[in-house]
N, C-alpha and C. Protein backbone atom coordinates (compact mmCIF):
# COMPACT_ATOMS: atom_id res chain seq x y z
N MET A 1 3.67 -51.81 -7.73
CA MET A 1 4.85 -50.82 -6.66
C MET A 1 5.12 -49.70 -7.43
N ARG A 2 5.04 -49.98 -8.72
CA ARG A 2 5.76 -48.47 -9.46
C ARG A 2 4.62 -47.39 -9.45
N LEU A 3 3.45 -47.68 -9.64
CA LEU A 3 2.60 -47.10 -9.82
C LEU A 3 2.01 -46.57 -8.13
N THR A 4 2.36 -47.21 -7.33
CA THR A 4 1.95 -46.26 -6.25
C THR A 4 3.16 -45.37 -5.76
N LEU A 5 4.25 -45.87 -6.46
CA LEU A 5 5.60 -44.71 -5.82
C LEU A 5 5.52 -43.74 -6.88
N PHE A 6 4.87 -43.63 -8.03
CA PHE A 6 4.60 -42.61 -8.95
C PHE A 6 3.56 -41.90 -8.52
N LEU A 7 2.67 -42.45 -7.73
CA LEU A 7 1.44 -41.79 -7.15
C LEU A 7 2.06 -40.80 -6.06
N LEU A 8 2.59 -41.61 -5.28
CA LEU A 8 3.30 -40.90 -4.15
C LEU A 8 4.37 -39.65 -4.25
N TYR A 9 5.06 -40.00 -5.77
CA TYR A 9 5.99 -38.98 -6.28
C TYR A 9 4.97 -37.62 -6.92
N ILE A 10 3.90 -37.67 -7.29
CA ILE A 10 2.94 -36.84 -8.02
C ILE A 10 2.14 -36.09 -6.78
N GLY A 11 2.05 -36.82 -5.68
CA GLY A 11 1.64 -35.98 -4.34
C GLY A 11 2.23 -35.29 -3.53
N VAL A 12 3.75 -35.55 -3.36
CA VAL A 12 5.15 -34.81 -2.84
C VAL A 12 4.68 -33.54 -3.90
N CYS A 13 5.30 -33.85 -4.81
CA CYS A 13 5.25 -32.66 -6.06
C CYS A 13 4.36 -31.57 -5.69
N LEU A 14 3.07 -31.96 -5.51
CA LEU A 14 1.93 -31.00 -5.60
C LEU A 14 1.92 -30.46 -4.07
N PHE A 15 2.28 -30.89 -3.09
CA PHE A 15 2.47 -30.41 -1.98
C PHE A 15 3.40 -29.42 -2.09
N ILE A 16 4.83 -29.78 -2.30
CA ILE A 16 5.69 -28.67 -2.41
C ILE A 16 5.37 -27.48 -2.80
N SER A 17 4.59 -27.65 -4.64
CA SER A 17 4.06 -26.68 -5.22
C SER A 17 3.35 -25.77 -4.96
N CYS A 18 2.08 -26.36 -3.74
CA CYS A 18 1.17 -25.62 -3.15
C CYS A 18 1.80 -24.77 -1.86
N ASN A 19 2.34 -25.46 -1.25
CA ASN A 19 3.15 -24.53 0.06
C ASN A 19 4.56 -23.33 -0.28
N SER A 20 4.59 -23.82 -1.61
CA SER A 20 6.13 -22.65 -2.17
C SER A 20 5.30 -21.32 -2.06
N GLY A 21 4.29 -21.21 -2.05
CA GLY A 21 3.62 -19.85 -2.64
C GLY A 21 3.68 -18.93 -1.14
N GLU A 22 3.16 -20.12 -0.01
CA GLU A 22 3.16 -19.23 1.52
C GLU A 22 3.90 -17.96 1.54
N ASN A 23 5.36 -17.71 1.32
CA ASN A 23 6.19 -16.78 1.47
C ASN A 23 5.68 -15.43 0.48
N LYS A 24 4.64 -15.99 -0.51
CA LYS A 24 4.55 -14.76 -1.91
C LYS A 24 3.25 -14.06 -1.30
N ALA A 25 2.62 -13.96 -0.31
CA ALA A 25 1.04 -13.64 0.11
C ALA A 25 1.50 -12.36 0.20
N SER A 26 0.23 -11.59 0.14
CA SER A 26 0.57 -10.39 0.11
C SER A 26 -0.10 -9.74 1.77
N ALA A 27 0.47 -8.85 1.91
CA ALA A 27 0.21 -8.13 3.28
C ALA A 27 -0.84 -6.91 3.20
N GLU A 28 -2.22 -6.34 3.82
CA GLU A 28 -2.65 -5.64 3.58
C GLU A 28 -2.38 -4.19 4.80
N THR A 29 -2.58 -3.19 4.90
CA THR A 29 -2.65 -2.60 6.24
C THR A 29 -3.21 -1.53 5.88
N CYS A 30 -4.22 -0.39 6.74
CA CYS A 30 -4.73 0.34 6.39
C CYS A 30 -3.95 1.54 7.61
N TYR A 31 -4.20 2.98 6.71
CA TYR A 31 -4.07 4.02 7.59
C TYR A 31 -5.03 5.04 7.39
N ARG A 32 -5.53 6.18 8.73
CA ARG A 32 -6.55 6.89 8.49
C ARG A 32 -5.94 7.86 9.07
N TYR A 33 -6.06 9.38 8.81
CA TYR A 33 -6.14 10.19 9.68
C TYR A 33 -7.49 10.97 9.44
N GLU A 34 -8.10 11.46 10.86
CA GLU A 34 -9.35 12.03 10.94
C GLU A 34 -9.05 13.37 11.67
N GLY A 35 -9.31 14.41 10.77
CA GLY A 35 -9.41 15.76 11.33
C GLY A 35 -10.81 16.11 11.96
N THR A 36 -10.80 17.50 12.14
CA THR A 36 -11.77 18.20 12.81
C THR A 36 -12.71 18.28 11.04
N ASN A 37 -12.47 18.65 10.23
CA ASN A 37 -13.38 18.44 8.97
C ASN A 37 -12.55 17.70 8.01
N ASP A 38 -11.38 17.10 8.12
CA ASP A 38 -10.55 16.49 7.04
C ASP A 38 -10.46 14.83 6.82
N THR A 39 -10.07 14.08 6.15
CA THR A 39 -9.82 12.63 6.34
C THR A 39 -8.77 12.45 5.57
N ILE A 40 -7.85 11.19 5.60
CA ILE A 40 -7.16 10.64 4.34
C ILE A 40 -7.37 9.33 5.23
N SER A 41 -7.43 8.38 4.11
CA SER A 41 -7.64 7.19 3.74
C SER A 41 -6.15 6.51 2.94
N LEU A 42 -5.46 5.34 3.44
CA LEU A 42 -4.40 4.39 2.62
C LEU A 42 -4.87 3.38 2.92
N LYS A 43 -4.74 2.43 2.11
CA LYS A 43 -5.02 1.15 2.14
C LYS A 43 -3.47 0.92 1.02
N VAL A 44 -2.65 -0.29 2.04
CA VAL A 44 -1.42 -0.31 1.21
C VAL A 44 -1.41 -1.95 1.33
N VAL A 45 -1.24 -2.49 -0.10
CA VAL A 45 -0.74 -4.02 0.03
C VAL A 45 0.53 -4.26 -0.61
N ARG A 46 1.06 -4.92 0.37
CA ARG A 46 2.43 -5.19 0.20
C ARG A 46 2.80 -6.65 -0.61
N ASN A 47 3.64 -6.67 -1.30
CA ASN A 47 3.97 -8.07 -1.70
C ASN A 47 5.39 -8.03 -2.12
N ALA A 48 6.30 -8.05 -1.29
CA ALA A 48 7.88 -7.96 -1.19
C ALA A 48 7.84 -6.79 -0.83
N ASP A 49 8.78 -5.94 -1.69
CA ASP A 49 8.93 -4.58 -2.09
C ASP A 49 7.71 -3.82 -2.70
N ALA A 50 6.81 -4.59 -3.55
CA ALA A 50 5.81 -4.15 -4.39
C ALA A 50 4.66 -3.64 -3.73
N VAL A 51 4.49 -2.51 -3.66
CA VAL A 51 3.22 -2.12 -2.94
C VAL A 51 1.69 -1.55 -4.15
N THR A 52 0.75 -1.77 -3.50
CA THR A 52 -0.76 -1.16 -4.54
C THR A 52 -1.43 -0.69 -3.75
N GLY A 53 -2.26 -0.14 -3.48
CA GLY A 53 -3.57 0.23 -2.64
C GLY A 53 -4.22 1.32 -3.04
N THR A 54 -5.09 1.80 -2.33
CA THR A 54 -6.09 2.84 -2.54
C THR A 54 -5.23 3.91 -2.00
N LEU A 55 -5.99 5.64 -2.01
CA LEU A 55 -5.64 6.70 -1.39
C LEU A 55 -7.10 7.38 -1.58
N ASP A 56 -7.50 7.81 -0.76
CA ASP A 56 -8.27 9.25 -0.60
C ASP A 56 -8.20 10.14 -0.30
N TYR A 57 -8.35 11.49 -0.48
CA TYR A 57 -8.57 12.51 0.58
C TYR A 57 -9.49 13.12 0.32
N ASN A 58 -10.01 13.59 1.59
CA ASN A 58 -11.46 14.26 1.62
C ASN A 58 -10.95 15.49 2.66
N PHE A 59 -11.15 16.46 1.82
CA PHE A 59 -11.01 17.83 2.63
C PHE A 59 -11.71 18.95 2.72
N LYS A 60 -12.38 19.82 3.95
CA LYS A 60 -13.14 20.53 3.74
C LYS A 60 -13.18 21.60 2.80
N GLU A 61 -14.26 21.70 1.93
CA GLU A 61 -14.37 22.81 1.26
C GLU A 61 -13.56 22.59 -0.06
N LYS A 62 -12.93 21.51 -0.62
CA LYS A 62 -12.13 21.34 -1.56
C LYS A 62 -12.55 19.92 -1.91
N ASP A 63 -12.38 19.59 -3.59
CA ASP A 63 -12.79 18.32 -4.22
C ASP A 63 -12.10 17.35 -3.45
N ASP A 64 -13.09 16.07 -3.71
CA ASP A 64 -12.37 14.95 -3.03
C ASP A 64 -11.24 14.00 -3.94
N ASN A 65 -10.49 13.48 -3.57
CA ASN A 65 -9.38 12.73 -4.47
C ASN A 65 -9.48 11.59 -4.08
N ARG A 66 -9.67 10.54 -5.03
CA ARG A 66 -10.06 9.44 -4.73
C ARG A 66 -9.20 8.39 -5.76
N GLY A 67 -8.18 7.54 -5.59
CA GLY A 67 -7.54 6.85 -6.26
C GLY A 67 -6.87 5.66 -6.00
N THR A 68 -5.76 5.11 -6.48
CA THR A 68 -5.14 3.75 -6.69
C THR A 68 -3.69 4.24 -6.32
N ILE A 69 -2.79 3.74 -5.67
CA ILE A 69 -1.38 3.97 -5.62
C ILE A 69 -0.76 2.61 -6.07
N LYS A 70 0.48 2.84 -6.89
CA LYS A 70 1.55 1.68 -7.22
C LYS A 70 2.89 2.10 -6.90
N GLY A 71 3.26 1.35 -6.28
CA GLY A 71 4.75 1.82 -6.23
C GLY A 71 5.92 0.73 -5.69
N ASN A 72 6.65 1.32 -4.89
CA ASN A 72 7.62 0.47 -4.27
C ASN A 72 8.13 1.10 -2.73
N LEU A 73 8.60 -0.19 -2.01
CA LEU A 73 9.04 0.46 -0.70
C LEU A 73 10.88 0.72 -0.63
N LYS A 74 11.02 1.89 -0.44
CA LYS A 74 12.64 1.94 -0.16
C LYS A 74 13.21 2.41 1.43
N GLY A 75 13.51 1.41 1.81
CA GLY A 75 14.12 1.55 3.16
C GLY A 75 12.46 1.78 3.92
N ASP A 76 12.01 3.05 4.47
CA ASP A 76 10.98 3.18 5.17
C ASP A 76 10.24 4.17 4.37
N LEU A 77 10.72 4.29 3.25
CA LEU A 77 10.14 5.30 2.42
C LEU A 77 8.74 4.63 1.33
N LEU A 78 7.39 4.81 1.31
CA LEU A 78 6.84 4.14 0.65
C LEU A 78 6.64 5.47 -1.03
N ILE A 79 6.86 5.05 -2.14
CA ILE A 79 7.50 6.21 -2.94
C ILE A 79 6.40 5.58 -3.85
N ALA A 80 5.37 5.86 -4.52
CA ALA A 80 4.04 5.56 -5.09
C ALA A 80 3.62 6.35 -6.44
N ASP A 81 3.28 5.88 -7.54
CA ASP A 81 2.22 7.06 -8.38
C ASP A 81 0.87 6.86 -7.70
N TYR A 82 0.54 8.12 -7.51
CA TYR A 82 -0.53 8.06 -7.20
C TYR A 82 -1.88 8.45 -8.78
N THR A 83 -2.68 7.57 -8.91
CA THR A 83 -3.59 7.96 -10.21
C THR A 83 -5.09 8.25 -9.43
N PHE A 84 -5.55 9.41 -9.61
CA PHE A 84 -7.07 9.87 -8.78
C PHE A 84 -7.56 10.33 -9.59
N THR A 85 -9.12 10.91 -9.41
CA THR A 85 -9.95 11.51 -10.22
C THR A 85 -10.52 12.60 -9.28
N SER A 86 -10.42 13.56 -10.02
CA SER A 86 -10.94 14.91 -9.11
C SER A 86 -11.47 15.64 -10.32
N GLU A 87 -12.83 16.13 -10.10
CA GLU A 87 -13.72 17.07 -10.55
C GLU A 87 -13.88 16.09 -11.87
N GLY A 88 -13.84 14.83 -11.97
CA GLY A 88 -14.18 14.22 -13.00
C GLY A 88 -13.31 14.01 -13.87
N VAL A 89 -11.87 14.64 -13.40
CA VAL A 89 -10.32 14.39 -14.69
C VAL A 89 -9.85 13.47 -13.75
N GLN A 90 -8.89 12.52 -14.55
CA GLN A 90 -7.87 11.54 -13.86
C GLN A 90 -6.60 12.29 -14.06
N SER A 91 -5.66 12.40 -13.26
CA SER A 91 -4.39 12.57 -12.98
C SER A 91 -3.62 12.09 -12.63
N THR A 92 -2.45 11.75 -12.43
CA THR A 92 -1.22 10.89 -11.64
C THR A 92 -0.02 12.02 -10.84
N ARG A 93 -0.23 11.91 -9.91
CA ARG A 93 1.18 12.28 -9.31
C ARG A 93 1.93 11.56 -8.40
N GLN A 94 3.30 11.89 -7.83
CA GLN A 94 4.06 10.70 -7.05
C GLN A 94 3.33 11.37 -5.84
N VAL A 95 3.43 10.11 -4.66
CA VAL A 95 3.28 10.24 -3.56
C VAL A 95 4.84 9.77 -2.78
N VAL A 96 4.77 10.48 -1.33
CA VAL A 96 5.91 9.32 -0.79
C VAL A 96 5.07 9.64 1.01
N PHE A 97 5.34 8.40 1.52
CA PHE A 97 5.00 8.02 2.93
C PHE A 97 6.07 7.71 3.83
N LYS A 98 6.59 8.50 4.79
CA LYS A 98 7.73 7.90 5.87
C LYS A 98 6.44 6.55 6.38
N LEU A 99 6.72 5.26 6.56
CA LEU A 99 6.38 4.60 7.30
C LEU A 99 6.99 4.46 8.72
N LYS A 100 6.20 4.66 9.71
CA LYS A 100 7.10 4.51 11.15
C LYS A 100 6.15 3.52 11.98
N ASP A 101 6.64 3.45 12.93
CA ASP A 101 5.73 2.26 14.42
C ASP A 101 4.38 1.49 13.79
N ASN A 102 3.05 2.46 14.39
CA ASN A 102 2.33 2.07 14.00
C ASN A 102 1.13 3.20 13.09
N PHE A 103 2.27 4.06 12.35
CA PHE A 103 1.68 5.23 11.54
C PHE A 103 2.17 5.59 10.09
N VAL A 104 1.66 6.54 9.21
CA VAL A 104 2.56 7.07 8.23
C VAL A 104 2.93 8.36 8.21
N VAL A 105 3.33 9.38 8.01
CA VAL A 105 3.32 10.65 7.26
C VAL A 105 3.79 10.75 6.00
N GLU A 106 3.00 11.58 5.48
CA GLU A 106 3.53 11.96 4.01
C GLU A 106 4.41 13.07 3.80
N GLY A 107 5.04 12.87 2.95
CA GLY A 107 6.34 14.30 2.49
C GLY A 107 5.52 15.01 1.49
N TYR A 108 6.54 15.91 1.63
CA TYR A 108 6.33 17.25 0.81
C TYR A 108 7.68 17.49 0.05
N GLY A 109 7.70 17.86 -1.25
CA GLY A 109 9.06 18.73 -1.80
C GLY A 109 9.04 18.46 -3.15
N ASP A 110 10.33 18.61 -3.60
CA ASP A 110 10.60 18.70 -4.99
C ASP A 110 11.25 16.99 -5.38
N ASN A 111 11.73 16.57 -4.49
CA ASN A 111 12.69 15.17 -4.89
C ASN A 111 12.84 14.73 -3.25
N THR A 112 12.83 13.18 -3.60
CA THR A 112 12.83 12.67 -2.43
C THR A 112 13.52 12.65 -1.55
N ASP A 113 14.67 13.19 -1.51
CA ASP A 113 16.12 13.65 -0.98
C ASP A 113 15.90 14.72 0.01
N SER A 114 14.75 15.40 -0.71
CA SER A 114 14.59 16.59 0.45
C SER A 114 12.73 16.90 0.80
N LEU A 115 12.63 15.69 1.22
CA LEU A 115 10.93 16.03 1.83
C LEU A 115 11.16 16.53 2.95
N ALA A 116 10.11 17.06 3.38
CA ALA A 116 9.44 17.45 4.39
C ALA A 116 8.43 16.53 4.73
N PHE A 117 8.40 15.86 6.06
CA PHE A 117 7.10 15.32 6.73
C PHE A 117 6.69 16.21 7.53
N ASN A 118 4.99 16.00 6.75
CA ASN A 118 4.01 16.64 7.88
C ASN A 118 3.51 15.54 9.09
N ASP A 119 4.65 15.84 10.29
CA ASP A 119 3.80 15.27 11.20
C ASP A 119 2.36 15.27 11.94
N SER A 120 2.01 17.02 11.12
CA SER A 120 0.81 17.10 12.36
C SER A 120 -0.44 16.30 11.44
N MET A 121 -0.36 15.33 10.36
CA MET A 121 -1.37 14.58 9.71
C MET A 121 -0.98 13.24 9.85
N LYS A 122 -0.74 12.55 11.02
CA LYS A 122 -0.42 11.06 11.27
C LYS A 122 -1.64 10.37 10.45
N LEU A 123 -1.36 9.72 9.75
CA LEU A 123 -2.32 8.55 9.16
C LEU A 123 -2.11 7.26 10.48
N VAL A 124 -2.74 6.57 11.35
CA VAL A 124 -2.45 5.69 12.54
C VAL A 124 -3.38 4.74 11.80
N GLU A 125 -2.46 3.55 11.95
CA GLU A 125 -3.23 2.50 11.51
C GLU A 125 -4.72 2.11 11.82
N ALA A 126 -5.55 1.75 11.02
CA ALA A 126 -6.73 1.65 11.17
C ALA A 126 -7.57 0.31 10.75
N THR A 127 -8.50 -0.27 10.78
CA THR A 127 -9.02 -1.32 10.34
C THR A 127 -9.02 -1.11 8.66
N CYS A 128 -8.96 -1.93 8.35
CA CYS A 128 -9.65 -2.11 7.18
C CYS A 128 -10.87 -2.15 6.24
N ARG A 129 -11.66 -1.02 5.79
CA ARG A 129 -13.03 -1.24 5.32
C ARG A 129 -13.27 -1.77 3.85
C-alpha cells in the first residue's frame, strides 16, 4: 500500500512539474517589408518581456546587414541591441520598433523619448522562414 501511494505521489509530482512550464513557452512572430528594391526581415522570439531574434536589412546599392537582436518589450516598444555583420565587420547598435496590430515600424532618433517612426516602411506580419 505504501509503495502504491509513493508511486502515485511521484507520478503526480512529475505531472505537475512537466505541465508547469507551459506558460513559459516562447512565441515567435516574423515581420517583413518588401519595397521595390529593398527588404527588411525581422524574427521576434518572445519569452515574457524578453525578446531575441534576427534582423536582416537588404537595401539596393548598400551592403546587407544581417544579425541578431536581444532586448525587451516596454509597452508597445521593442528595444533591442542589434549585433550584425556588414562588409565583414561586426557591430552593435540599438534598434527600436513600435508594435502595432499586425505590423511593426522602426524608430529613429537620439533617444527612446523622441523617436520618429517610419510608417513608409511597415514590416507586416509574415510566415517565418
